[in-house]
Amino acid sequence: MSNLPIEDGEPELVSLPPRPPMDDEMDITPMIDMTFLLLIFFILTSKMTGEKTYDTPPAKNGTTVVSKNCVSIVVTRGTGEAPLVARGDGTLFAEDPELQAAEISEYVQLELESGRKTEVLIRAEGNVTAGQLNKVKQSISEVLSEGKLLNIAVTESK
């Protein structure tokens, strides 16, 4: 039923304003807003971590190494990100990573050239990460000539 007044039996015609033409493109502004809100949310709530740290895996097998024939380098966990690296006699190398790498390379090269040592032995604590151990290995491998062995001994964590 209509609410239009009826006079003389005919309904009164009401004219409506013309409809605006339909836009053929969809407005994606709200979708872009939501995308940026989600992006900001994930940036603020995620944790940015660098290198994944993990302990050196335990050895499954090993051989005996005569320590008299080896240039010994001792690697311990230390207090910060960088490990404490020392010579076999206990004197520490520099704490600066670049200077430390140069000192390790020079020490190993001098010991191997003396003729008394034929191998290199890295003694690492069990809580030293593999990444820290790799940095020491890279410093040594720069001066290690073919035929010289690099041995790694890991002591178990207590």
Protein backbone atom coordinates (compact mmCIF):
# COMPACT_ATOMS: atom_id res chain seq x y z
CA MET A 1 0.00 0.00 0.00
CA SER A 2 1.28 3.46 -0.86
CA ASN A 3 1.26 6.61 1.26
CA LEU A 4 0.68 8.82 -1.72
CA PRO A 5 -2.45 10.93 -1.64
CA ILE A 6 -5.03 9.79 -4.11
CA GLU A 7 -7.16 12.42 -5.79
CA ASP A 8 -9.80 11.54 -8.20
CA GLY A 9 -8.62 7.94 -8.20
CA GLU A 10 -5.19 8.55 -9.68
CA PRO A 11 -1.98 8.41 -7.59
CA GLU A 12 0.24 11.47 -7.51
CA LEU A 13 3.57 10.98 -9.23
CA VAL A 14 6.70 11.84 -7.27
CA SER A 15 9.88 12.63 -9.15
CA LEU A 16 13.22 11.53 -7.66
CA PRO A 17 16.55 13.17 -8.42
CA PRO A 18 18.54 11.35 -11.10
CA ARG A 19 21.06 8.75 -9.91
CA PRO A 20 24.72 9.58 -10.33
CA PRO A 21 26.45 7.42 -12.91
CA MET A 22 28.10 4.24 -11.51
CA ASP A 23 31.87 4.35 -11.23
CA ASP A 24 33.47 1.49 -13.15
CA GLU A 25 36.54 1.33 -10.86
CA MET A 26 36.56 0.03 -7.31
CA ASP A 27 37.96 2.36 -4.64
CA ILE A 28 40.97 0.55 -3.13
CA THR A 29 41.91 3.25 -0.63
CA PRO A 30 40.49 1.33 2.38
CA MET A 31 42.38 -1.80 1.29
CA ILE A 32 45.64 0.16 1.07
CA ASP A 33 44.98 1.63 4.52
CA MET A 34 44.48 -1.84 5.99
CA THR A 35 47.64 -3.12 4.29
CA PHE A 36 49.74 -0.36 5.82
CA LEU A 37 48.16 -0.86 9.22
CA LEU A 38 49.03 -4.57 9.10
CA LEU A 39 52.56 -3.77 7.92
CA ILE A 40 53.08 -1.33 10.78
CA PHE A 41 51.66 -3.87 13.25
CA PHE A 42 54.05 -6.62 12.13
CA ILE A 43 57.06 -4.29 12.11
CA LEU A 44 56.34 -3.12 15.65
CA THR A 45 55.59 -6.56 17.10
CA SER A 46 58.31 -8.62 15.44
CA LYS A 47 61.77 -9.11 16.90
CA MET A 48 64.67 -8.37 14.60
CA THR A 49 67.44 -10.81 15.37
CA GLY A 50 70.71 -11.13 13.58
CA GLU A 51 72.56 -14.36 13.40
CA LYS A 52 70.98 -17.37 15.02
CA THR A 53 73.21 -18.63 17.81
CA TYR A 54 73.63 -22.26 18.63
CA ASP A 55 76.18 -24.22 20.58
CA THR A 56 78.93 -26.19 18.92
CA PRO A 57 77.62 -29.72 18.32
CA PRO A 58 79.23 -32.54 20.30
CA ALA A 59 81.80 -34.67 18.52
CA LYS A 60 80.71 -38.12 17.42
CA ASN A 61 84.22 -39.40 16.88
CA GLY A 62 87.74 -38.14 17.15
CA THR A 63 91.40 -38.96 17.08
CA THR A 64 94.30 -38.30 19.38
CA VAL A 65 96.37 -35.23 18.62
CA VAL A 66 99.84 -34.71 20.05
CA SER A 67 99.66 -31.21 21.52
CA LYS A 68 103.45 -30.78 21.38
CA ASN A 69 103.23 -30.69 17.58
CA CYS A 70 100.34 -28.20 17.55
CA VAL A 71 99.97 -24.46 17.62
CA SER A 72 97.33 -24.14 20.36
CA ILE A 73 94.61 -21.51 20.40
CA VAL A 74 92.08 -21.46 23.24
CA VAL A 75 88.58 -20.05 22.63
CA THR A 76 86.27 -19.33 25.58
CA ARG A 77 82.79 -17.81 25.65
CA GLY A 78 83.68 -14.45 27.20
CA THR A 79 81.17 -11.90 28.46
CA GLY A 80 79.91 -10.22 25.29
CA GLU A 81 79.26 -11.20 21.69
CA ALA A 82 82.93 -11.80 20.92
CA PRO A 83 84.72 -14.81 22.40
CA LEU A 84 87.96 -14.59 24.37
CA VAL A 85 90.76 -16.01 22.23
CA ALA A 86 94.13 -16.81 23.75
CA ARG A 87 97.43 -18.39 22.75
CA GLY A 88 98.40 -21.78 24.14
CA ASP A 89 100.36 -20.09 26.94
CA GLY A 90 97.26 -18.14 28.05
CA THR A 91 98.05 -14.66 26.71
CA LEU A 92 94.97 -13.10 25.13
CA PHE A 93 94.71 -11.78 21.60
CA ALA A 94 93.20 -8.31 21.04
CA GLU A 95 89.47 -7.89 21.59
CA ASP A 96 88.90 -5.90 18.38
CA PRO A 97 87.73 -8.47 15.79
CA GLU A 98 89.87 -7.18 12.90
CA LEU A 99 92.99 -6.79 15.03
CA GLN A 100 92.33 -10.16 16.64
CA ALA A 101 92.11 -11.89 13.24
CA ALA A 102 95.41 -10.32 12.17
CA GLU A 103 97.13 -11.34 15.42
CA ILE A 104 95.85 -14.93 15.16
CA SER A 105 97.04 -15.21 11.55
CA GLU A 106 100.47 -13.82 12.43
CA TYR A 107 100.84 -16.05 15.50
CA VAL A 108 99.92 -19.23 13.60
CA GLN A 109 102.16 -18.35 10.67
CA LEU A 110 105.19 -17.68 12.91
CA GLU A 111 104.69 -20.89 14.88
CA LEU A 112 104.31 -23.04 11.75
CA GLU A 113 107.31 -21.43 10.06
CA SER A 114 109.50 -22.15 13.09
CA GLY A 115 109.42 -25.83 12.07
CA ARG A 116 108.58 -27.17 15.54
CA LYS A 117 104.83 -27.20 14.95
CA THR A 118 103.06 -29.05 12.15
CA GLU A 119 99.37 -28.71 13.04
CA VAL A 120 96.96 -26.19 14.55
CA LEU A 121 94.71 -27.06 17.49
CA ILE A 122 91.72 -24.93 18.50
CA ARG A 123 90.54 -25.74 22.01
CA ALA A 124 87.01 -24.41 22.45
CA GLU A 125 84.62 -24.49 25.37
CA GLY A 126 81.34 -26.26 24.70
CA ASN A 127 79.33 -23.04 25.09
CA VAL A 128 81.20 -21.23 22.30
CA THR A 129 78.88 -20.78 19.34
CA ALA A 130 79.73 -22.20 15.93
CA GLY A 131 79.72 -18.68 14.44
CA GLN A 132 82.35 -17.50 16.91
CA LEU A 133 84.45 -20.58 16.20
CA ASN A 134 84.17 -20.00 12.44
CA LYS A 135 85.69 -16.52 12.78
CA VAL A 136 88.77 -18.02 14.45
CA LYS A 137 88.91 -20.79 11.83
CA GLN A 138 88.84 -18.23 9.00
CA SER A 139 91.75 -16.32 10.53
CA ILE A 140 93.78 -19.51 10.74
CA SER A 141 92.85 -20.86 7.31
CA GLU A 142 94.25 -17.73 5.65
CA VAL A 143 97.81 -18.75 6.59
CA LEU A 144 97.41 -22.52 6.73
CA SER A 145 99.36 -24.08 3.88
CA GLU A 146 98.42 -27.28 2.13
CA GLY A 147 99.27 -30.37 4.12
CA LYS A 148 98.89 -28.64 7.51
CA LEU A 149 96.02 -29.88 9.66
CA LEU A 150 93.51 -27.84 11.63
CA ASN A 151 92.12 -29.75 14.63
CA ILE A 152 89.25 -28.60 16.83
CA ALA A 153 88.79 -29.90 20.38
CA VAL A 154 85.60 -28.99 22.24
CA THR A 155 85.36 -29.37 26.00
CA GLU A 156 81.95 -30.18 27.37
CA SER A 157 79.96 -27.50 29.20
CA LYS A 158 79.58 -27.99 32.91
